[in-house]
Amino acid sequence: MDQPPSDRRTRTHPSPHGTAAARRRSWLSGALLTAVLLGLIALSIRSVSGDLAFVLLGSVGLVVGVIHRLFPGSQFFTLALANFIGVYACVFAMFLESSFQDMGMLAQGIGFAMPLAAFVSGAWWRAKDIRSIVQSRRLRESGHFERMFLWMAPVWGIGALTFLLPGRGIPPDQLTLIFLLAMGVISVVVGLVAHDVAVFLLDAGLLFEGFFQQVSRLVLPAFAFLTFYSLVIIVFGTVYTILDRFMVEPNFLVHGQPRDVTLTEGLYFSLVTFATVGYGDISPMTGAVRIVAAVEIVAGVLLLLFGFSAIIGHAKPRDHRDPPDPL
């Protein structure tokens, strides 16, 4: 006699070993993405604030190492923290570029490190509470999200006030003092709300974990979709090139000049047409090519709709997919 559906579903849960392996693969993917992100931010900041890039990378290594030591077993928490520091570095660089362009390197480094040191100190002070949240491994339903805006308001308010400084002829020494004072006030706020910041990062880490585990199930269908997508682009790109070869008059305007397109240009035009972007550097000028381009646009929209639907359907856990229609 067949078992009820509920009994069959209880047997399809993954084993602990499978969950641990999936979590480990997800963490490695997240760590690689975080490293790439931080590398890009560091290179960008170096063009704005010189050696601040090395301060960024050193701060990430030190802060993440200390937090991981305080809260072992919180890999995705540390990934969320590393990404958060990268976002903070971007805002800080914009902060310097707009209001403190002539700031010395030492003052930049001290100002950048102050809120991070305050967060580590506040997290160490509330380590027992934060550790219990880490071990629970569950999202908080409400409460801290509203408090997050309360601590963000004074931080952003202090940053906004500094935009009034440029053009007032303030001497560099006084400007440095104002900068360090502003960062000191921000550090005090961050230290006082370090518990709420940590809870926010813990929730973000759990969401990262779920996101990367879901992405791992999307790799194969996404690759198949992109392969078919590329083949359609190539087909239309070769059609555009062949039309130019066998028709007397040119079918395209290339940078405003009528001429035949090369295969590379045909593939490029096919790509931007299929994606419905249309930069205008290459445009059709005959009816035949316009008809083919219209067909490609419609095919591109339909392929995206069906492709995304198929990928999302494949990403659903097997227990939650729609059962096949009975014969």
Protein backbone atom coordinates (compact mmCIF):
# COMPACT_ATOMS: atom_id res chain seq x y z
CA MET A 1 0.00 0.00 0.00
CA ASP A 2 1.37 3.40 -0.96
CA GLN A 3 2.46 5.70 1.80
CA PRO A 4 0.76 9.10 2.19
CA PRO A 5 2.48 12.02 0.46
CA SER A 6 3.47 13.53 3.80
CA ASP A 7 5.39 10.38 4.72
CA ARG A 8 7.20 10.33 1.40
CA ARG A 9 8.22 13.97 1.75
CA THR A 10 9.80 13.39 5.14
CA ARG A 11 12.28 11.01 3.55
CA THR A 12 13.55 13.44 0.96
CA HIS A 13 15.36 15.78 3.36
CA PRO A 14 19.11 15.94 2.66
CA SER A 15 21.45 14.21 4.99
CA PRO A 16 23.56 16.26 7.44
CA HIS A 17 26.65 15.44 5.43
CA GLY A 18 25.03 16.74 2.25
CA THR A 19 23.93 19.94 4.04
CA ALA A 20 27.42 20.49 5.44
CA ALA A 21 28.99 19.90 2.03
CA ALA A 22 26.56 22.31 0.35
CA ARG A 23 27.24 24.89 3.04
CA ARG A 24 30.98 24.50 2.55
CA ARG A 25 30.68 24.92 -1.22
CA SER A 26 28.45 27.95 -0.71
CA TRP A 27 30.96 29.50 1.68
CA LEU A 28 33.82 28.97 -0.77
CA SER A 29 31.79 30.62 -3.55
CA GLY A 30 30.95 33.52 -1.25
CA ALA A 31 34.57 33.88 -0.15
CA LEU A 32 35.75 34.00 -3.77
CA LEU A 33 33.13 36.60 -4.67
CA THR A 34 34.04 38.66 -1.61
CA ALA A 35 37.74 38.53 -2.46
CA VAL A 36 37.04 39.71 -6.01
CA LEU A 37 34.81 42.51 -4.73
CA LEU A 38 37.36 43.71 -2.19
CA GLY A 39 40.12 43.56 -4.79
CA LEU A 40 38.11 45.72 -7.18
CA ILE A 41 37.28 48.20 -4.41
CA ALA A 42 40.93 48.35 -3.32
CA LEU A 43 42.11 49.09 -6.86
CA SER A 44 39.44 51.76 -7.26
CA ILE A 45 40.20 53.39 -3.91
CA ARG A 46 43.91 53.47 -4.73
CA SER A 47 43.17 55.80 -7.66
CA VAL A 48 41.26 58.11 -5.27
CA SER A 49 43.05 57.95 -1.95
CA GLY A 50 46.42 56.38 -2.61
CA ASP A 51 47.57 53.92 0.01
CA LEU A 52 44.14 53.75 1.64
CA ALA A 53 43.70 50.55 -0.39
CA PHE A 54 46.28 48.81 1.81
CA VAL A 55 44.52 50.12 4.92
CA LEU A 56 41.26 48.63 3.58
CA LEU A 57 42.73 45.17 2.95
CA GLY A 58 44.61 45.18 6.26
CA SER A 59 41.48 46.23 8.15
CA VAL A 60 39.42 43.49 6.53
CA GLY A 61 41.98 40.85 7.47
CA LEU A 62 42.35 42.09 11.05
CA VAL A 63 38.67 42.75 11.82
CA VAL A 64 37.41 39.56 10.19
CA GLY A 65 40.09 37.54 11.99
CA VAL A 66 39.17 38.98 15.39
CA ILE A 67 35.42 38.53 14.82
CA HIS A 68 35.92 34.96 13.62
CA ARG A 69 37.95 34.27 16.77
CA LEU A 70 35.22 35.77 18.97
CA PHE A 71 32.39 33.93 17.19
CA PRO A 72 33.69 30.63 15.78
CA GLY A 73 31.44 28.80 13.34
CA SER A 74 30.07 31.99 11.82
CA GLN A 75 31.69 31.86 8.37
CA PHE A 76 28.88 33.64 6.56
CA PHE A 77 28.79 36.26 9.30
CA THR A 78 32.42 37.04 8.56
CA LEU A 79 31.68 37.14 4.82
CA ALA A 80 28.85 39.61 5.41
CA LEU A 81 31.20 41.67 7.59
CA ALA A 82 33.91 41.70 4.89
CA ASN A 83 31.40 42.85 2.28
CA PHE A 84 30.07 45.48 4.69
CA ILE A 85 33.60 46.84 5.19
CA GLY A 86 33.96 47.05 1.42
CA VAL A 87 30.77 49.10 1.17
CA TYR A 88 31.96 51.28 4.03
CA ALA A 89 35.27 51.83 2.19
CA CYS A 90 33.41 53.05 -0.92
CA VAL A 91 31.35 55.51 1.14
CA PHE A 92 34.47 56.63 3.01
CA ALA A 93 36.35 57.26 -0.25
CA MET A 94 33.44 59.36 -1.53
CA PHE A 95 33.46 61.14 1.83
CA LEU A 96 37.16 62.01 1.39
CA GLU A 97 36.89 62.93 -2.28
CA SER A 98 34.04 65.39 -1.73
CA SER A 99 35.06 67.08 1.53
CA PHE A 100 38.63 66.16 2.56
CA GLN A 101 40.70 65.90 -0.61
CA ASP A 102 43.91 67.28 0.96
CA MET A 103 43.80 65.01 3.98
CA GLY A 104 47.09 63.36 4.95
CA MET A 105 47.51 59.61 4.65
CA LEU A 106 47.91 59.11 8.41
CA ALA A 107 44.67 60.95 9.18
CA GLN A 108 42.87 58.97 6.46
CA GLY A 109 44.01 55.67 7.91
CA ILE A 110 43.13 56.63 11.49
CA GLY A 111 39.71 57.92 10.47
CA PHE A 112 38.96 54.78 8.45
CA ALA A 113 40.00 52.44 11.26
CA MET A 114 38.17 54.22 14.11
CA PRO A 115 34.60 52.94 13.41
CA LEU A 116 35.93 49.43 12.74
CA ALA A 117 37.80 49.41 16.05
CA ALA A 118 34.67 50.69 17.79
CA PHE A 119 32.60 47.88 16.26
CA VAL A 120 35.08 45.21 17.36
CA SER A 121 35.14 46.68 20.87
CA GLY A 122 31.35 46.81 21.07
CA ALA A 123 31.05 43.25 19.74
CA TRP A 124 33.59 42.04 22.30
CA TRP A 125 31.63 43.82 25.04
CA ARG A 126 28.37 42.07 24.00
CA ALA A 127 30.11 38.85 22.91
CA LYS A 128 27.95 36.56 25.05
CA ASP A 129 24.68 37.83 23.56
CA ILE A 130 26.01 37.81 20.01
CA ARG A 131 27.45 34.31 20.41
CA SER A 132 24.05 32.95 21.44
CA ILE A 133 22.55 34.49 18.29
CA VAL A 134 25.30 32.98 16.15
CA GLN A 135 24.64 29.52 17.56
CA SER A 136 20.87 29.77 16.99
CA ARG A 137 21.35 30.10 13.19
CA ARG A 138 17.93 31.64 12.58
CA LEU A 139 16.71 34.94 11.18
CA ARG A 140 15.29 37.47 13.61
CA GLU A 141 11.74 38.32 12.66
CA SER A 142 11.64 41.96 13.73
CA GLY A 143 12.95 44.51 16.19
CA HIS A 144 16.53 45.17 15.13
CA PHE A 145 15.55 46.26 11.62
CA GLU A 146 13.83 49.38 12.96
CA ARG A 147 16.75 50.12 15.30
CA MET A 148 19.12 49.89 12.34
CA PHE A 149 17.64 53.10 10.92
CA LEU A 150 18.00 54.78 14.30
CA TRP A 151 21.76 54.26 14.36
CA MET A 152 22.17 54.95 10.67
CA ALA A 153 20.47 58.36 10.94
CA PRO A 154 23.17 60.10 13.05
CA VAL A 155 25.97 58.48 11.04
CA TRP A 156 24.58 59.70 7.73
CA GLY A 157 23.69 63.05 9.32
CA ILE A 158 27.31 63.66 10.35
CA GLY A 159 28.49 62.69 6.89
CA ALA A 160 25.97 65.06 5.27
CA LEU A 161 27.12 67.99 7.41
CA THR A 162 30.69 67.61 6.14
CA PHE A 163 29.50 68.40 2.61
CA LEU A 164 29.06 72.00 3.82
CA LEU A 165 32.81 72.36 4.45
CA PRO A 166 34.31 72.72 0.92
CA GLY A 167 34.75 76.30 -0.29
CA ARG A 168 34.83 77.87 3.19
CA GLY A 169 38.59 78.41 3.29
CA ILE A 170 39.20 76.22 6.35
CA PRO A 171 42.94 75.69 7.03
CA PRO A 172 44.21 72.11 6.50
CA ASP A 173 45.02 71.61 10.21
CA GLN A 174 41.51 72.57 11.28
CA LEU A 175 40.03 70.46 8.49
CA THR A 176 41.96 67.43 9.76
CA LEU A 177 40.72 68.09 13.27
CA ILE A 178 37.11 68.35 12.06
CA PHE A 179 37.53 65.12 10.10
CA LEU A 180 38.88 63.18 13.07
CA LEU A 181 36.19 64.64 15.34
CA ALA A 182 33.45 63.57 12.92
CA MET A 183 34.88 60.06 12.63
CA GLY A 184 35.19 59.93 16.43
CA VAL A 185 31.49 60.72 16.89
CA ILE A 186 30.59 58.10 14.27
CA SER A 187 32.80 55.59 16.08
CA VAL A 188 31.00 56.24 19.38
CA VAL A 189 27.64 55.61 17.69
CA VAL A 190 28.93 52.41 16.05
CA GLY A 191 30.36 51.16 19.34
CA LEU A 192 27.08 51.73 21.17
CA VAL A 193 25.02 49.90 18.55
CA ALA A 194 27.57 47.18 17.76
CA HIS A 195 25.10 44.53 18.95
CA ASP A 196 22.45 45.66 16.44
CA VAL A 197 25.05 45.88 13.68
CA ALA A 198 26.21 42.35 14.49
CA VAL A 199 22.63 41.03 14.43
CA PHE A 200 22.08 42.70 11.08
CA LEU A 201 25.27 41.13 9.71
CA LEU A 202 24.31 37.72 11.11
CA ASP A 203 20.97 37.86 9.29
CA ALA A 204 22.76 39.02 6.14
CA GLY A 205 25.16 36.09 6.49
CA LEU A 206 22.29 33.60 6.75
CA LEU A 207 20.68 35.14 3.68
CA PHE A 208 24.04 34.92 1.86
CA GLU A 209 24.23 31.24 2.75
CA GLY A 210 20.77 30.53 1.37
CA PHE A 211 21.50 32.63 -1.72
CA PHE A 212 24.71 30.82 -2.61
CA GLN A 213 23.14 27.41 -2.02
CA GLN A 214 20.35 28.34 -4.40
CA VAL A 215 22.82 29.72 -6.95
CA SER A 216 24.68 26.40 -6.91
CA ARG A 217 21.49 24.73 -8.19
CA LEU A 218 21.24 27.31 -10.96
CA VAL A 219 24.68 26.78 -12.50
CA LEU A 220 23.75 23.96 -14.88
CA PRO A 221 20.42 25.39 -16.18
CA ALA A 222 21.93 28.88 -16.46
CA PHE A 223 24.85 27.52 -18.48
CA ALA A 224 22.45 25.66 -20.78
CA PHE A 225 20.36 28.81 -21.20
CA LEU A 226 23.40 30.97 -21.98
CA THR A 227 24.61 28.39 -24.49
CA PHE A 228 21.31 28.44 -26.37
CA TYR A 229 21.22 32.24 -26.05
CA SER A 230 24.68 32.48 -27.64
CA LEU A 231 23.73 30.13 -30.47
CA VAL A 232 20.70 32.27 -31.39
CA ILE A 233 22.87 35.41 -31.38
CA ILE A 234 25.39 33.70 -33.68
CA VAL A 235 22.64 32.58 -36.08
CA PHE A 236 21.24 36.08 -36.45
CA GLY A 237 24.72 37.63 -36.60
CA THR A 238 25.68 35.40 -39.52
CA VAL A 239 22.37 36.20 -41.25
CA TYR A 240 23.15 39.94 -41.09
CA THR A 241 26.62 39.34 -42.50
CA ILE A 242 25.34 37.07 -45.31
CA LEU A 243 22.70 39.62 -46.31
CA ASP A 244 25.41 42.21 -46.76
CA ARG A 245 27.46 39.80 -48.85
CA PHE A 246 24.69 38.94 -51.32
CA MET A 247 22.82 42.26 -51.59
CA VAL A 248 24.20 45.01 -53.80
CA GLU A 249 23.59 47.95 -51.46
CA PRO A 250 24.82 48.09 -47.85
CA ASN A 251 22.20 47.21 -45.27
CA PHE A 252 23.71 49.04 -42.28
CA LEU A 253 24.88 52.45 -41.15
CA VAL A 254 28.10 52.01 -39.19
CA HIS A 255 28.92 55.17 -37.24
CA GLY A 256 26.76 57.11 -39.67
CA GLN A 257 28.42 55.69 -42.82
CA PRO A 258 26.68 53.10 -45.09
CA ARG A 259 28.87 50.03 -45.58
CA ASP A 260 28.92 46.25 -45.27
CA VAL A 261 29.38 44.86 -41.75
CA THR A 262 32.07 42.41 -40.80
CA LEU A 263 31.26 39.18 -38.98
CA THR A 264 32.35 40.74 -35.69
CA GLU A 265 30.11 43.74 -36.28
CA GLY A 266 27.24 41.45 -37.29
CA LEU A 267 27.59 39.47 -34.05
CA TYR A 268 27.80 42.67 -32.04
CA PHE A 269 24.66 44.07 -33.69
CA SER A 270 22.90 40.76 -33.11
CA LEU A 271 23.83 40.86 -29.41
CA VAL A 272 22.58 44.41 -28.76
CA THR A 273 19.44 43.73 -30.82
CA PHE A 274 18.70 40.46 -29.05
CA ALA A 275 19.12 42.20 -25.70
CA THR A 276 16.91 45.10 -26.94
CA VAL A 277 19.66 47.59 -26.03
CA GLY A 278 20.34 49.27 -29.40
CA TYR A 279 23.25 51.67 -28.84
CA GLY A 280 22.84 53.18 -32.30
CA ASP A 281 26.47 52.90 -33.44
CA ILE A 282 25.28 50.26 -35.95
CA SER A 283 21.74 50.62 -37.31
CA PRO A 284 19.75 48.90 -40.10
CA MET A 285 18.87 50.96 -43.16
CA THR A 286 17.00 48.50 -45.43
CA GLY A 287 13.64 46.83 -45.06
CA ALA A 288 15.03 43.29 -45.17
CA VAL A 289 17.41 43.81 -42.28
CA ARG A 290 14.77 45.67 -40.26
CA ILE A 291 12.42 42.70 -40.59
CA VAL A 292 15.15 40.30 -39.44
CA ALA A 293 15.99 42.61 -36.52
CA ALA A 294 12.32 42.77 -35.51
CA VAL A 295 12.11 38.97 -35.54
CA GLU A 296 15.25 38.78 -33.40
CA ILE A 297 13.83 41.25 -30.84
CA VAL A 298 10.64 39.22 -30.46
CA ALA A 299 12.65 35.99 -30.22
CA GLY A 300 14.90 37.54 -27.60
CA VAL A 301 12.01 38.66 -25.39
CA LEU A 302 10.33 35.24 -25.61
CA LEU A 303 13.57 33.40 -24.92
CA LEU A 304 14.23 35.50 -21.82
CA LEU A 305 10.72 34.87 -20.49
CA PHE A 306 10.82 31.11 -21.04
CA GLY A 307 14.46 30.84 -20.01
CA PHE A 308 14.03 32.61 -16.69
CA SER A 309 10.89 30.60 -15.99
CA ALA A 310 12.75 27.34 -16.63
CA ILE A 311 15.72 28.38 -14.48
CA ILE A 312 13.53 29.43 -11.56
CA GLY A 313 11.53 26.21 -11.85
CA HIS A 314 14.72 24.17 -11.78
CA ALA A 315 15.93 26.05 -8.69
CA LYS A 316 12.91 25.02 -6.61
CA PRO A 317 13.55 22.22 -4.12
CA ARG A 318 12.24 18.93 -5.44
CA ASP A 319 9.68 18.65 -2.64
CA HIS A 320 8.10 21.94 -3.72
CA ARG A 321 7.97 21.43 -7.48
CA ASP A 322 4.63 20.87 -9.10
CA PRO A 323 3.86 17.15 -9.47
CA PRO A 324 3.54 15.81 -13.00
CA ASP A 325 0.08 15.59 -14.50
CA PRO A 326 -1.46 12.13 -14.06
CA LEU A 327 -1.88 10.07 -17.18
